[in-house]
Each structure stands twice: as structure tokens, then as C-alpha cells.
Amino acid sequence: MGNTDTLETSGFFRSDEEAVLKQVGKEALLEDLRWMLLIRNLEIRAESAYQQGKVGGFFHAYIGQEAVQTSILRVMGREQWYTTSYRCHALALLLGASPNEIMAEFYGRETGNAKGRGGSMHLFTDRLLGGHGIVGGQIPVATGAALTLKLQGNTEGVSVCFIGDGAVAQGAFHESLNIASLWDLPCIYVIENNQWGMGTAVGRAISVERIAEAKASGYNMQAYTFDGMDYFNCHAGFSHVFQEVRKTQRPVLVEVITERFRGHSISDPGLYRSKEDLQKVVKRDPIFRLRDKLMEAGVIDEEQFKSMDKEQKQICVDAMKFAEESPWPDPITLEEDVLAP
């Protein structure tokens, strides 16, 4: 795939857009653009519902980061184990949760993904092991999934763990990476560095600039850095990593440099960054970067893109109607499916 298997230790993983476009194919790229628009529209509509008081609790949008998880699903498929933090809406969608059930879960309704009990932070599918509200809480779970694969003798499968930059300082991160390296576990740890841990800039919270490169060396692991705002760079990078982990049966640490367009949660006005800085970030919108490349390649035009966006918006508007009309859970069922020692 061109020079996509070369790592520049001082910068991003090298990737060849033309090689990725040819490998993935035009139809699959259009499908991924559609996925990214669905993720974006779902969260925009849900934010609106939150502001109207129809959604409660916390709500952490993935807006601006869509290229990361969309590309990794294109590379690795739905057959792997996936685990993430409370910023879990995109991954749940990509792994098969419907817009209706996700929106209903936001609304706290019986038809929701977790029957209205989990809310925005706790979405699950048969291959998504959560949506975890505790910072770093998903990392040992993902490590355990990788151990299961090893004990089963499954050398084709991997466990993928998405981690926020703020979780890197947690003990669970270091203990998990240490044991994954000691036991040769097929786990891909993906640090989605969106520049802000709540309202604290990553440079004020984490003592190194290249997180993966700095941290992986302490655990005898390979490290890679991708441009999380670039679908093509992510796709090329994750393709390389996926092949490597299946071949070596060793863990890998990846950092994707991205930036969220919203505050930490919907209640966060994001006053810690200026409007000018945010405008610079938005100019690198991963959806528009993918759109522009596909336009350049003659795969899509402006009207087709607008039509696609309108279709995804309507799906999400319909999901809001579905949630609004869904029943509230019966309180008598509150303790069903709750397991405790």
C-alpha cells in the first residue's frame, strides 16, 4: 500500500491517499462518509433534545472525531471486541445499535439500548463491551477481552480499546499495558487525544508530547501516531497496526491526534479555548476533508453530498420522534437484569 507501512518517529504515520482510495473503493468510502454524517447528525439532534430538557444526565459528543472510529471499523470490521469511554455514541452506531434505540436511550425510554437505564454514557452491542463512565474503567475490560482471545487460541481476533488523553495518567492504564505486554495479549490501545481532558489542555495534564511513543517504550510495546482528523491517514495506520497485532500477538499503543468541536460535555461552554482557535480546528473537519477528497476524485459532487446529509438528518429526526413516542420504563422492572455478588 505505497509507503503506508513506514513510521516517522517524529511525526504522523505516513499514508498515501491514492493508495487508500484504491484499496477501500469508492462505494465503501461513500458508505463511510454516510456513517460520519449519521454520527454527526445524531449528536446534533440529541444536543437539541438535551437543551429542550428531553435528555438528562451527561452527554459527551464525538463531533470532530468521526474519522477515527469510522476508519477503524472499515479496517477491522464488527467481529472484534471493542471497548470505550463515556463518549460512546459513534462506536455504538458503527457496531449496529440503531439510531432509534440510541435516541430512545438518551430519552430514558423503555425502547432504548439499555432499556432507558444507562443513558448517554452506557451503550452496548454484542461486540461493544461498553460505554464506561469511570475514567480509564474500560482499559482493564479490554485487556481481559484480549486475554480471552489468547486463551481461546483465536489469532485472528483483537481487542480494541479507545482511551481519552485524560485517562493516560490513571493507574488502570499503566497496569493494563504492563500486563498486556507481559502476557503477549492482542490488544490495540487507541488514545484519542482530543487536546482537552475536561477543561484542562493536554499539555498541562500529561508530561510528554507524543504520548504513545513516550508511554509504549516503558512497556516494550510498539507505538504509532496518526492524524485523527484525516480518514485516509487513520485507515492506512490502522490497517498496518491490525496486521501487526494479528501477526505478532502483541499489544500496540496508538495515539490519534484530533480535537473535539464541543465542550467536554454538553454542559461545558468551552471557555478555556478562544473562538479563533476553535474556528481553526473546524476548518480541519474530518467530514469535509473526506468529502473534498471524494469530490476531487469524482466520486461525489456538492448536490449529492447535501442529499446524503439531508437523508442522515431525517433518520435522526425520525429517531427523535420514535424516542418521544416510546413508553417510559415501568419502575417495577428496575432491578431486572441487575447482577450483584
Protein backbone atom coordinates (compact mmCIF):
# COMPACT_ATOMS: atom_id res chain seq x y z
CA MET A 1 0.00 0.00 0.00
CA GLY A 2 2.58 2.53 -1.13
CA ASN A 3 4.59 3.93 1.77
CA THR A 4 1.85 3.49 4.36
CA ASP A 5 3.89 0.96 6.34
CA THR A 6 6.61 3.49 7.17
CA LEU A 7 6.59 5.23 10.53
CA GLU A 8 8.14 8.62 11.07
CA THR A 9 9.03 8.66 14.74
CA SER A 10 8.99 12.46 14.73
CA GLY A 11 5.56 12.80 13.14
CA PHE A 12 2.44 11.09 11.86
CA PHE A 13 2.32 7.70 10.27
CA ARG A 14 2.93 8.12 6.55
CA SER A 15 -0.03 7.41 4.32
CA ASP A 16 -0.87 7.50 0.65
CA GLU A 17 -4.38 8.86 -0.03
CA GLU A 18 -4.50 7.46 -3.54
CA ALA A 19 -3.49 4.00 -2.32
CA VAL A 20 -6.19 4.05 0.38
CA LEU A 21 -8.82 5.29 -2.09
CA LYS A 22 -7.96 2.42 -4.44
CA GLN A 23 -7.82 -0.18 -1.67
CA VAL A 24 -11.08 0.78 0.06
CA GLY A 25 -13.02 1.53 -3.11
CA LYS A 26 -15.43 4.31 -3.97
CA GLU A 27 -18.60 2.64 -2.68
CA ALA A 28 -17.07 1.84 0.72
CA LEU A 29 -15.72 5.37 1.05
CA LEU A 30 -19.16 6.79 0.29
CA GLU A 31 -20.62 4.47 2.91
CA ASP A 32 -18.11 5.71 5.48
CA LEU A 33 -18.90 9.33 4.61
CA ARG A 34 -22.54 8.43 5.19
CA TRP A 35 -21.65 6.89 8.58
CA MET A 36 -19.76 10.01 9.62
CA LEU A 37 -22.71 12.20 8.66
CA LEU A 38 -25.08 9.94 10.60
CA ILE A 39 -22.89 10.20 13.71
CA ARG A 40 -22.72 13.98 13.36
CA ASN A 41 -26.44 14.43 12.78
CA LEU A 42 -27.44 12.08 15.60
CA GLU A 43 -25.42 14.05 18.10
CA ILE A 44 -26.60 17.43 16.82
CA ARG A 45 -30.24 16.33 17.13
CA ALA A 46 -29.60 14.81 20.57
CA GLU A 47 -27.95 18.02 21.74
CA SER A 48 -31.09 19.87 20.67
CA ALA A 49 -33.24 17.43 22.65
CA TYR A 50 -30.97 17.90 25.67
CA GLN A 51 -31.36 21.67 25.50
CA GLN A 52 -35.14 21.19 25.41
CA GLY A 53 -34.96 19.16 28.61
CA LYS A 54 -35.87 15.87 26.93
CA VAL A 55 -32.47 14.28 27.63
CA GLY A 56 -30.94 14.27 31.09
CA GLY A 57 -27.68 13.27 32.71
CA PHE A 58 -24.37 13.75 30.94
CA PHE A 59 -23.89 13.94 27.18
CA HIS A 60 -20.41 13.75 25.63
CA ALA A 61 -20.37 14.44 21.89
CA TYR A 62 -17.90 12.88 19.47
CA ILE A 63 -18.22 15.75 16.98
CA GLY A 64 -14.90 16.34 15.23
CA GLN A 65 -13.54 12.86 15.90
CA GLU A 66 -15.70 10.82 13.49
CA ALA A 67 -12.85 9.73 11.19
CA VAL A 68 -11.14 7.68 13.89
CA GLN A 69 -13.73 5.05 14.74
CA THR A 70 -15.29 5.03 11.26
CA SER A 71 -11.94 4.15 9.70
CA ILE A 72 -11.07 1.50 12.28
CA LEU A 73 -14.41 -0.27 11.72
CA ARG A 74 -13.75 -0.24 7.98
CA VAL A 75 -10.37 -1.88 8.60
CA MET A 76 -11.22 -4.37 11.35
CA GLY A 77 -14.94 -4.99 10.93
CA ARG A 78 -17.56 -5.73 13.57
CA GLU A 79 -16.12 -9.10 14.57
CA GLN A 80 -13.56 -7.70 17.04
CA TRP A 81 -14.11 -6.76 20.68
CA TYR A 82 -14.46 -3.00 21.25
CA THR A 83 -14.44 -1.02 24.47
CA THR A 84 -14.61 2.72 25.02
CA SER A 85 -15.31 5.52 27.46
CA TYR A 86 -18.49 7.52 28.01
CA ARG A 87 -18.00 9.21 24.59
CA CYS A 88 -19.59 6.12 23.08
CA HIS A 89 -22.38 7.16 20.67
CA ALA A 90 -20.38 6.82 17.43
CA LEU A 91 -18.97 3.41 18.26
CA ALA A 92 -22.38 2.06 19.25
CA LEU A 93 -23.83 3.24 15.92
CA LEU A 94 -20.97 1.73 13.93
CA LEU A 95 -21.34 -1.57 15.79
CA GLY A 96 -25.00 -2.00 14.99
CA ALA A 97 -27.06 -0.07 17.53
CA SER A 98 -29.86 1.67 15.62
CA PRO A 99 -30.42 5.45 15.74
CA ASN A 100 -33.86 4.72 17.24
CA GLU A 101 -32.58 2.67 20.16
CA ILE A 102 -29.74 5.10 20.86
CA MET A 103 -32.01 8.14 20.84
CA ALA A 104 -34.56 6.31 23.00
CA GLU A 105 -31.78 5.54 25.46
CA PHE A 106 -30.87 9.22 25.57
CA TYR A 107 -34.52 9.94 26.37
CA GLY A 108 -34.53 7.27 29.09
CA ARG A 109 -37.25 5.22 27.38
CA GLU A 110 -38.05 1.51 27.56
CA THR A 111 -37.15 1.02 23.88
CA GLY A 112 -33.64 2.30 24.48
CA ASN A 113 -30.39 0.43 24.05
CA ALA A 114 -30.24 -0.34 27.78
CA LYS A 115 -33.99 -0.02 28.39
CA GLY A 116 -33.51 3.58 29.45
CA ARG A 117 -31.25 2.68 32.38
CA GLY A 118 -27.83 3.64 31.05
CA GLY A 119 -28.35 6.93 29.28
CA SER A 120 -25.78 8.56 27.04
CA MET A 121 -22.67 7.11 28.70
CA HIS A 122 -23.51 3.40 28.73
CA LEU A 123 -24.30 1.99 25.29
CA PHE A 124 -23.66 -1.66 24.40
CA THR A 125 -23.89 -4.05 21.46
CA ASP A 126 -22.90 -7.68 21.09
CA ARG A 127 -19.33 -6.55 20.26
CA LEU A 128 -19.22 -3.32 22.26
CA LEU A 129 -18.31 -4.01 25.89
CA GLY A 130 -19.39 -0.53 26.97
CA GLY A 131 -19.62 2.74 27.27
CA HIS A 132 -17.82 3.23 30.66
CA GLY A 133 -18.41 6.24 32.90
CA ILE A 134 -15.31 5.79 35.08
CA VAL A 135 -12.21 7.41 33.58
CA GLY A 136 -9.99 4.52 32.49
CA GLY A 137 -12.53 1.93 33.62
CA GLN A 138 -12.73 0.39 30.15
CA ILE A 139 -9.00 -0.35 29.89
CA PRO A 140 -8.88 -3.46 32.14
CA VAL A 141 -12.07 -4.73 30.46
CA ALA A 142 -10.46 -4.50 27.02
CA THR A 143 -7.32 -6.18 28.36
CA GLY A 144 -9.47 -9.00 29.70
CA ALA A 145 -11.11 -9.39 26.28
CA ALA A 146 -7.65 -9.74 24.73
CA LEU A 147 -6.78 -12.40 27.33
CA THR A 148 -9.94 -14.29 26.38
CA LEU A 149 -8.89 -14.28 22.72
CA LYS A 150 -5.49 -15.67 23.69
CA LEU A 151 -6.94 -18.41 25.89
CA GLN A 152 -9.32 -19.37 23.08
CA GLY A 153 -6.41 -19.61 20.65
CA ASN A 154 -8.07 -17.01 18.40
CA THR A 155 -5.18 -15.47 16.45
CA GLU A 156 -7.44 -13.58 14.03
CA GLY A 157 -9.26 -11.51 16.62
CA VAL A 158 -8.10 -8.41 18.50
CA SER A 159 -9.42 -6.31 21.35
CA VAL A 160 -9.65 -2.58 20.61
CA CYS A 161 -9.71 -0.10 23.48
CA PHE A 162 -10.44 3.60 22.98
CA ILE A 163 -8.97 5.86 25.65
CA GLY A 164 -9.15 9.62 26.17
CA ASP A 165 -5.90 11.52 26.68
CA GLY A 166 -7.00 12.33 30.23
CA ALA A 167 -7.09 8.63 31.15
CA VAL A 168 -3.39 8.12 30.41
CA ALA A 169 -2.48 9.28 33.92
CA GLN A 170 -4.76 6.68 35.52
CA GLY A 171 -3.24 3.65 37.22
CA ALA A 172 -5.53 1.30 35.29
CA PHE A 173 -3.86 2.43 32.05
CA HIS A 174 -0.37 1.55 33.25
CA GLU A 175 -1.32 -1.70 34.95
CA SER A 176 -3.22 -2.86 31.87
CA LEU A 177 -0.42 -2.06 29.43
CA ASN A 178 2.10 -3.76 31.69
CA ILE A 179 0.15 -7.00 31.94
CA ALA A 180 -0.79 -6.94 28.23
CA SER A 181 2.90 -6.77 27.36
CA LEU A 182 3.91 -9.40 29.92
CA TRP A 183 1.27 -11.85 28.69
CA ASP A 184 1.52 -11.06 24.95
CA LEU A 185 -2.11 -10.01 24.56
CA PRO A 186 -3.57 -8.94 21.17
CA CYS A 187 -4.89 -5.57 22.31
CA ILE A 188 -4.83 -2.30 20.38
CA TYR A 189 -4.98 0.64 22.77
CA VAL A 190 -6.09 3.81 20.94
CA ILE A 191 -5.56 7.13 22.72
CA GLU A 192 -7.96 9.63 21.16
CA ASN A 193 -6.07 12.78 22.05
CA ASN A 194 -8.70 15.46 21.55
CA GLN A 195 -6.46 18.02 23.29
CA TRP A 196 -8.63 18.52 26.37
CA GLY A 197 -9.21 16.43 29.49
CA MET A 198 -12.44 18.08 30.60
CA GLY A 199 -11.25 21.72 30.58
CA THR A 200 -7.52 21.11 31.01
CA ALA A 201 -5.22 21.26 27.99
CA VAL A 202 -3.36 18.00 27.47
CA GLY A 203 -0.03 19.82 27.75
CA ARG A 204 -0.88 20.81 31.32
CA ALA A 205 -2.00 17.33 32.36
CA ILE A 206 0.31 14.88 30.56
CA SER A 207 4.08 15.33 30.88
CA VAL A 208 5.00 14.25 27.33
CA GLU A 209 4.01 15.47 23.87
CA ARG A 210 3.99 12.25 21.86
CA ILE A 211 2.00 10.16 24.30
CA ALA A 212 2.11 6.78 22.57
CA GLU A 213 5.80 6.96 21.75
CA ALA A 214 6.70 8.02 25.30
CA LYS A 215 4.48 5.59 27.17
CA ALA A 216 4.84 2.48 25.00
CA SER A 217 8.60 2.31 25.42
CA GLY A 218 8.13 1.71 29.14
CA TYR A 219 6.10 -1.43 28.41
CA ASN A 220 8.11 -2.83 25.49
CA MET A 221 5.33 -2.05 23.03
CA GLN A 222 5.18 -0.64 19.51
CA ALA A 223 3.80 2.91 19.21
CA TYR A 224 2.20 4.85 16.36
CA THR A 225 0.79 8.35 15.90
CA PHE A 226 -2.00 9.11 13.40
CA ASP A 227 -3.78 12.26 12.25
CA GLY A 228 -7.24 11.73 13.71
CA MET A 229 -8.74 14.44 11.50
CA ASP A 230 -7.74 12.55 8.34
CA TYR A 231 -9.75 9.45 7.40
CA PHE A 232 -7.07 8.30 4.96
CA ASN A 233 -4.21 8.54 7.45
CA CYS A 234 -6.26 6.68 10.07
CA HIS A 235 -7.28 3.96 7.63
CA ALA A 236 -3.70 3.36 6.47
CA GLY A 237 -2.38 3.41 10.03
CA PHE A 238 -4.98 1.08 11.48
CA SER A 239 -4.53 -1.32 8.56
CA HIS A 240 -0.84 -1.58 9.42
CA VAL A 241 -1.48 -1.99 13.15
CA PHE A 242 -4.21 -4.60 12.63
CA GLN A 243 -1.91 -6.75 10.52
CA GLU A 244 0.93 -6.31 13.01
CA VAL A 245 -1.05 -7.34 16.08
CA ARG A 246 -2.52 -10.41 14.39
CA LYS A 247 0.96 -11.42 13.25
CA THR A 248 2.87 -10.79 16.49
CA GLN A 249 0.05 -11.38 19.02
CA ARG A 250 1.50 -8.42 20.91
CA PRO A 251 -0.20 -5.24 22.17
CA VAL A 252 0.25 -1.89 20.40
CA LEU A 253 -0.30 1.67 21.61
CA VAL A 254 -1.69 4.21 19.14
CA GLU A 255 -2.25 7.94 19.57
CA VAL A 256 -4.61 9.72 17.21
CA ILE A 257 -4.31 13.50 17.28
CA THR A 258 -7.75 15.03 16.93
CA GLU A 259 -9.87 17.71 18.57
CA ARG A 260 -13.46 17.76 19.66
CA PHE A 261 -15.59 20.64 18.41
CA ARG A 262 -17.74 20.74 21.54
CA GLY A 263 -17.02 21.09 25.24
CA HIS A 264 -16.23 18.08 27.38
CA SER A 265 -19.95 17.53 27.78
CA ILE A 266 -22.98 19.49 26.66
CA SER A 267 -22.96 21.47 29.92
CA ASP A 268 -19.39 22.67 29.24
CA PRO A 269 -19.31 26.03 27.38
CA GLY A 270 -15.64 25.51 26.49
CA LEU A 271 -14.49 28.92 27.68
CA TYR A 272 -10.93 27.62 28.03
CA ARG A 273 -10.32 27.99 24.27
CA SER A 274 -10.89 31.02 22.12
CA LYS A 275 -13.38 31.25 19.26
CA GLU A 276 -10.45 31.87 16.92
CA ASP A 277 -8.74 28.65 17.97
CA LEU A 278 -11.95 26.68 17.56
CA GLN A 279 -12.51 28.15 14.08
CA LYS A 280 -9.04 26.94 13.06
CA VAL A 281 -9.89 23.45 14.28
CA VAL A 282 -13.25 23.36 12.50
CA LYS A 283 -11.50 24.14 9.21
CA ARG A 284 -9.95 20.66 9.52
CA ASP A 285 -13.36 19.00 9.89
CA PRO A 286 -12.80 15.30 9.06
CA ILE A 287 -16.14 15.02 7.28
CA PHE A 288 -15.39 17.87 4.90
CA ARG A 289 -11.83 16.65 4.34
CA LEU A 290 -13.16 13.26 3.25
CA ARG A 291 -15.90 14.92 1.17
CA ASP A 292 -13.37 17.16 -0.58
CA LYS A 293 -11.11 14.23 -1.44
CA LEU A 294 -14.05 12.28 -2.86
CA MET A 295 -15.13 15.31 -4.87
CA GLU A 296 -11.61 15.67 -6.20
CA ALA A 297 -11.70 12.00 -7.23
CA GLY A 298 -15.05 12.46 -8.96
CA VAL A 299 -16.85 10.13 -6.56
CA ILE A 300 -19.40 12.66 -5.31
CA ASP A 301 -20.49 16.23 -6.04
CA GLU A 302 -21.87 19.01 -3.85
CA GLU A 303 -25.53 18.22 -4.52
CA GLN A 304 -25.04 14.53 -3.80
CA PHE A 305 -23.29 15.39 -0.55
CA LYS A 306 -26.12 17.70 0.51
CA SER A 307 -28.65 14.99 -0.33
CA MET A 308 -26.71 12.45 1.71
CA ASP A 309 -26.54 14.83 4.66
CA LYS A 310 -30.28 15.51 4.41
CA GLU A 311 -31.03 11.77 4.43
CA GLN A 312 -28.98 11.22 7.59
CA LYS A 313 -30.60 14.21 9.25
CA GLN A 314 -34.07 12.80 8.53
CA ILE A 315 -33.09 9.44 10.05
CA CYS A 316 -32.15 11.27 13.25
CA VAL A 317 -35.28 13.44 13.27
CA ASP A 318 -37.32 10.24 12.92
CA ALA A 319 -35.34 8.74 15.81
CA MET A 320 -36.31 11.69 17.99
CA LYS A 321 -39.98 11.07 17.13
CA PHE A 322 -39.54 7.38 17.95
CA ALA A 323 -38.00 8.23 21.32
CA GLU A 324 -40.64 10.82 22.11
CA GLU A 325 -43.44 8.31 21.46
CA SER A 326 -41.77 5.42 23.30
CA PRO A 327 -43.03 4.45 26.77
CA TRP A 328 -41.22 5.13 29.99
CA PRO A 329 -39.84 2.05 31.75
CA ASP A 330 -42.10 0.52 34.38
CA PRO A 331 -40.43 1.16 37.78
CA ILE A 332 -41.26 -2.40 38.82
CA THR A 333 -38.68 -3.65 36.27
CA LEU A 334 -35.87 -1.52 37.69
CA GLU A 335 -33.99 -4.40 39.32
CA GLU A 336 -34.34 -6.83 36.41
CA ASP A 337 -31.07 -7.88 34.79
CA VAL A 338 -29.08 -6.36 37.67
CA LEU A 339 -26.41 -8.75 38.89
CA ALA A 340 -24.57 -8.36 42.18
CA PRO A 341 -22.33 -10.71 44.22
